[in-house]
PDB file of all heavy atoms in Angstrom:
ATOM      1  N   PHE A   1      -3.483  77.287 -86.265  1.00  0.00           N
ATOM      2  CA  PHE A   1      -3.232  78.211 -87.338  1.00  0.00           C
ATOM      3  C   PHE A   1      -1.915  78.970 -87.245  1.00  0.00           C
ATOM      4  O   PHE A   1      -1.838  79.728 -86.329  1.00  0.00           O
ATOM      5  CB  PHE A   1      -4.378  79.186 -87.460  1.00  0.00           C
ATOM      6  CG  PHE A   1      -5.743  78.539 -87.621  1.00  0.00           C
ATOM      7  CD1 PHE A   1      -6.556  78.187 -86.637  1.00  0.00           C
ATOM      8  CD2 PHE A   1      -6.169  78.296 -88.885  1.00  0.00           C
ATOM      9  CE1 PHE A   1      -7.827  77.525 -86.736  1.00  0.00           C
ATOM     10  CE2 PHE A   1      -7.423  77.480 -89.048  1.00  0.00           C
ATOM     11  CZ  PHE A   1      -8.242  77.187 -88.069  1.00  0.00           C
ATOM     12  N   PRO A   2      -1.024  78.846 -88.266  1.00  0.00           N
ATOM     13  CA  PRO A   2       0.292  79.541 -88.123  1.00  0.00           C
ATOM     14  C   PRO A   2      -0.018  81.025 -88.065  1.00  0.00           C
ATOM     15  O   PRO A   2      -0.897  81.643 -88.685  1.00  0.00           O
ATOM     16  CB  PRO A   2       0.981  79.147 -89.498  1.00  0.00           C
ATOM     17  CG  PRO A   2       0.367  77.755 -89.883  1.00  0.00           C
ATOM     18  CD  PRO A   2      -1.029  77.890 -89.397  1.00  0.00           C
ATOM     19  N   GLN A   3       0.896  81.765 -87.220  1.00  0.00           N
ATOM     20  CA  GLN A   3       0.842  83.108 -86.925  1.00  0.00           C
ATOM     21  C   GLN A   3      -0.375  83.522 -86.151  1.00  0.00           C
ATOM     22  O   GLN A   3      -0.578  84.762 -85.961  1.00  0.00           O
ATOM     23  CB  GLN A   3       0.988  83.874 -88.261  1.00  0.00           C
ATOM     24  CG  GLN A   3       2.097  83.442 -89.272  1.00  0.00           C
ATOM     25  CD  GLN A   3       3.532  83.375 -88.536  1.00  0.00           C
ATOM     26  OE1 GLN A   3       3.876  84.203 -87.770  1.00  0.00           O
ATOM     27  NE2 GLN A   3       4.190  82.314 -88.743  1.00  0.00           N
ATOM     28  N   VAL A   4      -1.331  82.679 -85.890  1.00  0.00           N
ATOM     29  CA  VAL A   4      -2.460  83.054 -85.144  1.00  0.00           C
ATOM     30  C   VAL A   4      -2.600  82.322 -83.820  1.00  0.00           C
ATOM     31  O   VAL A   4      -2.780  83.027 -82.807  1.00  0.00           O
ATOM     32  CB  VAL A   4      -3.745  82.712 -86.077  1.00  0.00           C
ATOM     33  CG1 VAL A   4      -5.095  83.181 -85.260  1.00  0.00           C
ATOM     34  CG2 VAL A   4      -3.644  83.450 -87.326  1.00  0.00           C
ATOM     35  N   GLY A   5      -2.538  80.963 -83.753  1.00  0.00           N
ATOM     36  CA  GLY A   5      -2.643  80.436 -82.567  1.00  0.00           C
ATOM     37  C   GLY A   5      -3.367  78.887 -82.739  1.00  0.00           C
ATOM     38  O   GLY A   5      -3.794  78.480 -83.672  1.00  0.00           O
ATOM     39  N   SER A   6      -3.613  78.395 -81.456  1.00  0.00           N
ATOM     40  CA  SER A   6      -4.349  77.144 -81.381  1.00  0.00           C
ATOM     41  C   SER A   6      -5.737  77.317 -80.789  1.00  0.00           C
ATOM     42  O   SER A   6      -5.937  78.250 -80.095  1.00  0.00           O
ATOM     43  CB  SER A   6      -3.531  76.256 -80.365  1.00  0.00           C
ATOM     44  OG  SER A   6      -2.266  75.853 -80.911  1.00  0.00           O
ATOM     45  N   PHE A   7      -6.665  76.593 -81.336  1.00  0.00           N
ATOM     46  CA  PHE A   7      -8.137  76.767 -81.089  1.00  0.00           C
ATOM     47  C   PHE A   7      -8.664  75.350 -80.922  1.00  0.00           C
ATOM     48  O   PHE A   7      -8.366  74.445 -81.620  1.00  0.00           O
ATOM     49  CB  PHE A   7      -8.736  77.607 -82.156  1.00  0.00           C
ATOM     50  CG  PHE A   7      -8.265  78.863 -82.353  1.00  0.00           C
ATOM     51  CD1 PHE A   7      -7.118  79.197 -83.112  1.00  0.00           C
ATOM     52  CD2 PHE A   7      -8.919  80.100 -81.654  1.00  0.00           C
ATOM     53  CE1 PHE A   7      -6.465  80.424 -83.322  1.00  0.00           C
ATOM     54  CE2 PHE A   7      -8.385  81.298 -81.959  1.00  0.00           C
ATOM     55  CZ  PHE A   7      -7.230  81.522 -82.706  1.00  0.00           C
ATOM     56  N   VAL A   8      -9.782  75.339 -80.044  1.00  0.00           N
ATOM     57  CA  VAL A   8     -10.666  74.099 -80.151  1.00  0.00           C
ATOM     58  C   VAL A   8     -11.424  74.229 -81.444  1.00  0.00           C
ATOM     59  O   VAL A   8     -11.894  75.270 -81.844  1.00  0.00           O
ATOM     60  CB  VAL A   8     -11.745  74.330 -78.844  1.00  0.00           C
ATOM     61  CG1 VAL A   8     -12.778  73.143 -78.990  1.00  0.00           C
ATOM     62  CG2 VAL A   8     -11.031  74.370 -77.629  1.00  0.00           C
ATOM     63  N   SER A   9     -11.313  73.066 -82.131  1.00  0.00           N
ATOM     64  CA  SER A   9     -12.049  73.023 -83.450  1.00  0.00           C
ATOM     65  C   SER A   9     -13.458  73.341 -83.353  1.00  0.00           C
ATOM     66  O   SER A   9     -14.074  72.817 -82.175  1.00  0.00           O
ATOM     67  CB  SER A   9     -11.628  71.708 -84.125  1.00  0.00           C
ATOM     68  OG  SER A   9     -12.330  70.622 -83.390  1.00  0.00           O
ATOM     69  N   ARG A  10     -14.036  73.832 -84.296  1.00  0.00           N
ATOM     70  CA  ARG A  10     -15.505  74.005 -84.167  1.00  0.00           C
ATOM     71  C   ARG A  10     -16.121  72.615 -84.736  1.00  0.00           C
ATOM     72  O   ARG A  10     -15.417  71.871 -85.321  1.00  0.00           O
ATOM     73  CB  ARG A  10     -15.871  75.050 -85.047  1.00  0.00           C
ATOM     74  CG  ARG A  10     -15.481  76.466 -84.691  1.00  0.00           C
ATOM     75  CD  ARG A  10     -16.037  77.615 -85.388  1.00  0.00           C
ATOM     76  NE  ARG A  10     -15.557  77.899 -86.592  1.00  0.00           N
ATOM     77  CZ  ARG A  10     -15.887  78.842 -87.417  1.00  0.00           C
ATOM     78  NH1 ARG A  10     -16.789  79.737 -87.026  1.00  0.00           N
ATOM     79  NH2 ARG A  10     -15.439  78.942 -88.667  1.00  0.00           N
ATOM     80  N   VAL A  11     -17.378  72.359 -84.214  1.00  0.00           N
ATOM     81  CA  VAL A  11     -17.951  71.005 -84.671  1.00  0.00           C
ATOM     82  C   VAL A  11     -18.110  70.849 -86.064  1.00  0.00           C
ATOM     83  O   VAL A  11     -18.674  71.761 -86.752  1.00  0.00           O
ATOM     84  CB  VAL A  11     -19.266  70.936 -83.889  1.00  0.00           C
ATOM     85  CG1 VAL A  11     -19.993  69.550 -84.285  1.00  0.00           C
ATOM     86  CG2 VAL A  11     -19.153  71.076 -82.313  1.00  0.00           C
ATOM     87  N   ASP A  12     -17.606  69.797 -86.599  1.00  0.00           N
ATOM     88  CA  ASP A  12     -17.563  69.582 -88.065  1.00  0.00           C
ATOM     89  C   ASP A  12     -18.801  68.545 -88.370  1.00  0.00           C
ATOM     90  O   ASP A  12     -18.649  67.356 -87.885  1.00  0.00           O
ATOM     91  CB  ASP A  12     -16.178  68.881 -88.518  1.00  0.00           C
ATOM     92  CG  ASP A  12     -16.171  68.747 -90.063  1.00  0.00           C
ATOM     93  OD1 ASP A  12     -17.173  68.818 -90.700  1.00  0.00           O
ATOM     94  OD2 ASP A  12     -14.981  68.647 -90.546  1.00  0.00           O
ATOM     95  N   PRO A  13     -19.812  68.963 -89.077  1.00  0.00           N
ATOM     96  CA  PRO A  13     -20.960  68.128 -89.400  1.00  0.00           C
ATOM     97  C   PRO A  13     -20.539  66.841 -90.180  1.00  0.00           C
ATOM     98  O   PRO A  13     -21.156  65.709 -89.936  1.00  0.00           O
ATOM     99  CB  PRO A  13     -21.832  69.121 -90.127  1.00  0.00           C
ATOM    100  CG  PRO A  13     -21.526  70.436 -89.681  1.00  0.00           C
ATOM    101  CD  PRO A  13     -20.076  70.382 -89.486  1.00  0.00           C
ATOM    102  N   ASP A  14     -19.419  67.066 -90.952  1.00  0.00           N
ATOM    103  CA  ASP A  14     -18.974  65.842 -91.674  1.00  0.00           C
ATOM    104  C   ASP A  14     -18.306  64.738 -90.783  1.00  0.00           C
ATOM    105  O   ASP A  14     -18.624  63.543 -90.930  1.00  0.00           O
ATOM    106  CB  ASP A  14     -17.898  66.192 -92.739  1.00  0.00           C
ATOM    107  CG  ASP A  14     -18.626  67.012 -93.927  1.00  0.00           C
ATOM    108  OD1 ASP A  14     -19.915  66.830 -94.106  1.00  0.00           O
ATOM    109  OD2 ASP A  14     -17.840  67.686 -94.572  1.00  0.00           O
ATOM    110  N   ARG A  15     -17.714  65.225 -89.784  1.00  0.00           N
ATOM    111  CA  ARG A  15     -17.122  64.348 -88.751  1.00  0.00           C
ATOM    112  C   ARG A  15     -18.176  63.681 -87.866  1.00  0.00           C
ATOM    113  O   ARG A  15     -18.002  62.589 -87.459  1.00  0.00           O
ATOM    114  CB  ARG A  15     -15.961  65.025 -87.980  1.00  0.00           C
ATOM    115  CG  ARG A  15     -14.632  65.212 -88.650  1.00  0.00           C
ATOM    116  CD  ARG A  15     -13.707  66.032 -87.805  1.00  0.00           C
ATOM    117  NE  ARG A  15     -12.388  66.249 -88.396  1.00  0.00           N
ATOM    118  CZ  ARG A  15     -11.314  65.404 -88.194  1.00  0.00           C
ATOM    119  NH1 ARG A  15     -11.500  64.437 -87.385  1.00  0.00           N
ATOM    120  NH2 ARG A  15     -10.182  65.695 -88.759  1.00  0.00           N
ATOM    121  N   VAL A  16     -19.169  64.540 -87.569  1.00  0.00           N
ATOM    122  CA  VAL A  16     -20.203  64.000 -86.891  1.00  0.00           C
ATOM    123  C   VAL A  16     -20.984  62.910 -87.591  1.00  0.00           C
ATOM    124  O   VAL A  16     -21.273  61.835 -87.061  1.00  0.00           O
ATOM    125  CB  VAL A  16     -21.289  65.087 -86.548  1.00  0.00           C
ATOM    126  CG1 VAL A  16     -22.667  64.560 -85.911  1.00  0.00           C
ATOM    127  CG2 VAL A  16     -20.768  66.196 -85.595  1.00  0.00           C
ATOM    128  N   ALA A  17     -21.216  63.070 -88.959  1.00  0.00           N
ATOM    129  CA  ALA A  17     -21.798  62.016 -89.742  1.00  0.00           C
ATOM    130  C   ALA A  17     -20.940  60.753 -89.833  1.00  0.00           C
ATOM    131  O   ALA A  17     -21.518  59.714 -89.777  1.00  0.00           O
ATOM    132  CB  ALA A  17     -22.183  62.567 -91.173  1.00  0.00           C
ATOM    133  N   ASP A  18     -19.654  60.986 -90.021  1.00  0.00           N
ATOM    134  CA  ASP A  18     -18.743  59.799 -90.070  1.00  0.00           C
ATOM    135  C   ASP A  18     -18.725  59.081 -88.731  1.00  0.00           C
ATOM    136  O   ASP A  18     -18.901  57.719 -88.734  1.00  0.00           O
ATOM    137  CB  ASP A  18     -17.333  60.327 -90.363  1.00  0.00           C
ATOM    138  CG  ASP A  18     -17.113  60.758 -91.644  1.00  0.00           C
ATOM    139  OD1 ASP A  18     -18.012  60.467 -92.545  1.00  0.00           O
ATOM    140  OD2 ASP A  18     -16.072  61.473 -91.905  1.00  0.00           O
ATOM    141  N   ALA A  19     -18.741  59.676 -87.640  1.00  0.00           N
ATOM    142  CA  ALA A  19     -18.828  59.040 -86.355  1.00  0.00           C
ATOM    143  C   ALA A  19     -20.127  58.373 -86.155  1.00  0.00           C
ATOM    144  O   ALA A  19     -20.319  57.201 -85.570  1.00  0.00           O
ATOM    145  CB  ALA A  19     -18.486  59.943 -85.169  1.00  0.00           C
ATOM    146  N   GLN A  20     -21.166  58.958 -86.670  1.00  0.00           N
ATOM    147  CA  GLN A  20     -22.520  58.478 -86.378  1.00  0.00           C
ATOM    148  C   GLN A  20     -22.617  57.117 -87.328  1.00  0.00           C
ATOM    149  O   GLN A  20     -23.289  56.145 -86.877  1.00  0.00           O
ATOM    150  CB  GLN A  20     -23.529  59.407 -86.899  1.00  0.00           C
ATOM    151  CG  GLN A  20     -25.020  58.961 -86.813  1.00  0.00           C
ATOM    152  CD  GLN A  20     -25.478  58.515 -85.449  1.00  0.00           C
ATOM    153  OE1 GLN A  20     -24.890  59.040 -84.505  1.00  0.00           O
ATOM    154  NE2 GLN A  20     -26.431  57.626 -85.291  1.00  0.00           N
ATOM    155  N   PHE A  21     -22.156  57.195 -88.477  1.00  0.00           N
ATOM    156  CA  PHE A  21     -22.081  56.091 -89.398  1.00  0.00           C
ATOM    157  C   PHE A  21     -21.497  54.815 -88.742  1.00  0.00           C
ATOM    158  O   PHE A  21     -21.974  53.673 -88.675  1.00  0.00           O
ATOM    159  CB  PHE A  21     -21.431  56.336 -90.607  1.00  0.00           C
ATOM    160  CG  PHE A  21     -21.232  55.142 -91.560  1.00  0.00           C
ATOM    161  CD1 PHE A  21     -22.150  54.704 -92.394  1.00  0.00           C
ATOM    162  CD2 PHE A  21     -20.034  54.523 -91.663  1.00  0.00           C
ATOM    163  CE1 PHE A  21     -22.073  53.611 -93.188  1.00  0.00           C
ATOM    164  CE2 PHE A  21     -19.747  53.394 -92.418  1.00  0.00           C
ATOM    165  CZ  PHE A  21     -20.833  52.915 -93.324  1.00  0.00           C
ATOM    166  N   LEU A  22     -20.278  55.094 -88.136  1.00  0.00           N
ATOM    167  CA  LEU A  22     -19.494  53.971 -87.450  1.00  0.00           C
ATOM    168  C   LEU A  22     -20.259  53.408 -86.247  1.00  0.00           C
ATOM    169  O   LEU A  22     -20.445  52.318 -86.033  1.00  0.00           O
ATOM    170  CB  LEU A  22     -18.078  54.541 -86.947  1.00  0.00           C
ATOM    171  CG  LEU A  22     -17.330  53.573 -86.016  1.00  0.00           C
ATOM    172  CD1 LEU A  22     -16.895  52.323 -86.729  1.00  0.00           C
ATOM    173  CD2 LEU A  22     -15.984  54.226 -85.556  1.00  0.00           C
ATOM    174  N   ARG A  23     -20.797  54.465 -85.359  1.00  0.00           N
ATOM    175  CA  ARG A  23     -21.536  54.045 -84.241  1.00  0.00           C
ATOM    176  C   ARG A  23     -22.720  53.099 -84.587  1.00  0.00           C
ATOM    177  O   ARG A  23     -23.092  52.205 -83.984  1.00  0.00           O
ATOM    178  CB  ARG A  23     -21.844  55.294 -83.382  1.00  0.00           C
ATOM    179  CG  ARG A  23     -22.546  54.871 -82.123  1.00  0.00           C
ATOM    180  CD  ARG A  23     -23.000  56.049 -81.235  1.00  0.00           C
ATOM    181  NE  ARG A  23     -23.505  55.642 -80.081  1.00  0.00           N
ATOM    182  CZ  ARG A  23     -23.970  56.356 -79.012  1.00  0.00           C
ATOM    183  NH1 ARG A  23     -23.948  57.791 -79.135  1.00  0.00           N
ATOM    184  NH2 ARG A  23     -24.428  55.870 -77.943  1.00  0.00           N
ATOM    185  N   GLU A  24     -23.604  53.718 -85.461  1.00  0.00           N
ATOM    186  CA  GLU A  24     -24.837  52.917 -85.996  1.00  0.00           C
ATOM    187  C   GLU A  24     -24.390  51.602 -86.417  1.00  0.00           C
ATOM    188  O   GLU A  24     -25.037  50.530 -86.099  1.00  0.00           O
ATOM    189  CB  GLU A  24     -25.457  53.766 -87.032  1.00  0.00           C
ATOM    190  CG  GLU A  24     -26.801  53.166 -87.321  1.00  0.00           C
ATOM    191  CD  GLU A  24     -27.536  54.186 -88.218  1.00  0.00           C
ATOM    192  OE1 GLU A  24     -27.751  55.307 -88.045  1.00  0.00           O
ATOM    193  OE2 GLU A  24     -28.067  53.533 -89.309  1.00  0.00           O
ATOM    194  N   ALA A  25     -23.269  51.403 -87.166  1.00  0.00           N
ATOM    195  CA  ALA A  25     -22.989  50.309 -87.778  1.00  0.00           C
ATOM    196  C   ALA A  25     -22.615  49.177 -86.668  1.00  0.00           C
ATOM    197  O   ALA A  25     -23.049  48.111 -86.763  1.00  0.00           O
ATOM    198  CB  ALA A  25     -21.830  50.364 -88.762  1.00  0.00           C
ATOM    199  N   VAL A  26     -21.924  49.604 -85.653  1.00  0.00           N
ATOM    200  CA  VAL A  26     -21.476  48.824 -84.588  1.00  0.00           C
ATOM    201  C   VAL A  26     -22.724  48.343 -83.834  1.00  0.00           C
ATOM    202  O   VAL A  26     -22.857  47.122 -83.408  1.00  0.00           O
ATOM    203  CB  VAL A  26     -20.401  49.392 -83.783  1.00  0.00           C
ATOM    204  CG1 VAL A  26     -20.005  48.651 -82.503  1.00  0.00           C
ATOM    205  CG2 VAL A  26     -19.101  49.583 -84.627  1.00  0.00           C
ATOM    206  N   GLU A  27     -23.487  49.266 -83.407  1.00  0.00           N
ATOM    207  CA  GLU A  27     -24.507  49.050 -82.427  1.00  0.00           C
ATOM    208  C   GLU A  27     -25.645  48.219 -82.986  1.00  0.00           C
ATOM    209  O   GLU A  27     -26.198  47.399 -82.315  1.00  0.00           O
ATOM    210  CB  GLU A  27     -24.971  50.390 -81.760  1.00  0.00           C
ATOM    211  CG  GLU A  27     -24.001  51.066 -80.994  1.00  0.00           C
ATOM    212  CD  GLU A  27     -24.564  51.996 -80.009  1.00  0.00           C
ATOM    213  OE1 GLU A  27     -25.386  51.517 -79.263  1.00  0.00           O
ATOM    214  OE2 GLU A  27     -24.092  53.150 -79.925  1.00  0.00           O
ATOM    215  N   LEU A  28     -26.060  48.540 -84.302  1.00  0.00           N
ATOM    216  CA  LEU A  28     -27.051  47.826 -84.935  1.00  0.00           C
ATOM    217  C   LEU A  28     -26.584  46.347 -85.216  1.00  0.00           C
ATOM    218  O   LEU A  28     -27.406  45.391 -84.961  1.00  0.00           O
ATOM    219  CB  LEU A  28     -27.468  48.386 -86.229  1.00  0.00           C
ATOM    220  CG  LEU A  28     -28.793  49.385 -86.105  1.00  0.00           C
ATOM    221  CD1 LEU A  28     -28.451  50.513 -85.099  1.00  0.00           C
ATOM    222  CD2 LEU A  28     -29.103  49.888 -87.462  1.00  0.00           C
ATOM    223  N   ALA A  29     -25.316  46.209 -85.618  1.00  0.00           N
ATOM    224  CA  ALA A  29     -24.802  44.759 -85.903  1.00  0.00           C
ATOM    225  C   ALA A  29     -24.849  43.916 -84.530  1.00  0.00           C
ATOM    226  O   ALA A  29     -25.145  42.790 -84.541  1.00  0.00           O
ATOM    227  CB  ALA A  29     -23.394  44.883 -86.475  1.00  0.00           C
ATOM    228  N   SER A  30     -24.500  44.641 -83.424  1.00  0.00           N
ATOM    229  CA  SER A  30     -24.311  43.839 -82.260  1.00  0.00           C
ATOM    230  C   SER A  30     -25.758  43.337 -81.799  1.00  0.00           C
ATOM    231  O   SER A  30     -25.804  42.271 -81.174  1.00  0.00           O
ATOM    232  CB  SER A  30     -23.767  44.854 -81.112  1.00  0.00           C
ATOM    233  OG  SER A  30     -24.819  45.751 -80.617  1.00  0.00           O
ATOM    234  N   LEU A  31     -26.756  44.062 -82.105  1.00  0.00           N
ATOM    235  CA  LEU A  31     -28.071  43.517 -81.742  1.00  0.00           C
ATOM    236  C   LEU A  31     -28.423  42.299 -82.420  1.00  0.00           C
ATOM    237  O   LEU A  31     -29.236  41.495 -81.945  1.00  0.00           O
ATOM    238  CB  LEU A  31     -29.134  44.675 -82.138  1.00  0.00           C
ATOM    239  CG  LEU A  31     -29.133  45.871 -81.395  1.00  0.00           C
ATOM    240  CD1 LEU A  31     -30.114  47.015 -81.916  1.00  0.00           C
ATOM    241  CD2 LEU A  31     -29.551  45.601 -79.861  1.00  0.00           C
TER     242      LEU A  31
END
């Protein structure tokens, strides 16, 4: 954030859902 600093991002539920979608697609397809 300009003029403020750098921070560890807070957990983004949308990014969690996107990663979950990818992971589920790969792992279920592999079965």
